Amino acid sequence: MNKMIEFRWHGRGGQGAVTAARLLAEVAAAKGYYAQAFPEFGPERRGAPIQAFTRLSTSVIRAYYGVANPDVVIVLDFALLDNVDITLGLHKNGMLVFNTTSSSAKIKDNLRLKDTKIYTVNASTIAQDCLGVAIPNTAMIGALIRATDILKLEDVLDYFKTAFASKFTAKTLEGNLKAITTAYEEVRAE
């Protein structure tokens, strides 16, 4: 990474978008990058649309405001496309990573995008299978890591093990690690 990369996360309260944005920043910081992560809340209730942001850079980050022109947009709830312009401000050659069963080609046609790379993964099903709940945040981290290639999968898994070993039960920790790995393996591009 030779420049700052900005990420905007779209989800609903309770899906873990804020946690995922923070986790991405923490892993990157542990690997020597400068990083920021912060949320933007509307009505703070489960199910309400939310945004979170992550910035990663090889140099000091002096931006202290929301991400208006993201390089990458991560969408944890595909239904948000009905209410939220997830492409707003996206760089011309930006990237979208969706939690969906739809194909990248169908999304590209529906959103009328030409130069945008689109990745899809069924993160909710992966989370349900691995964790017993359809909270897609850790699966989306796996998909994002594969799509962007900014961090190594092993680094994310190692950080997750260290950071959450005392916070999660062994079963929950293993489920999250499996969700990250499965989404990393199953993410698809157009």
Foldseek 3Di string as FASTA:
>chain_A
DAFKAKEKEKDFAPLCQQVLQVLVQVLLVVVPWHKDKAWDDDPPDGGHIIMIMMMTGNDHDPDDDDDQAGQEYEYEDPVCVVPDPSCGNYPLQGEYEYQDPDAQVVVCVVVVHDNYKYKYDNQQVLLCVLPVGRNRSLLSSLLVCLVVVPDDLVSSLVVLCVVCVVPDDPSNNRSSNSSSPVSNVGMDID
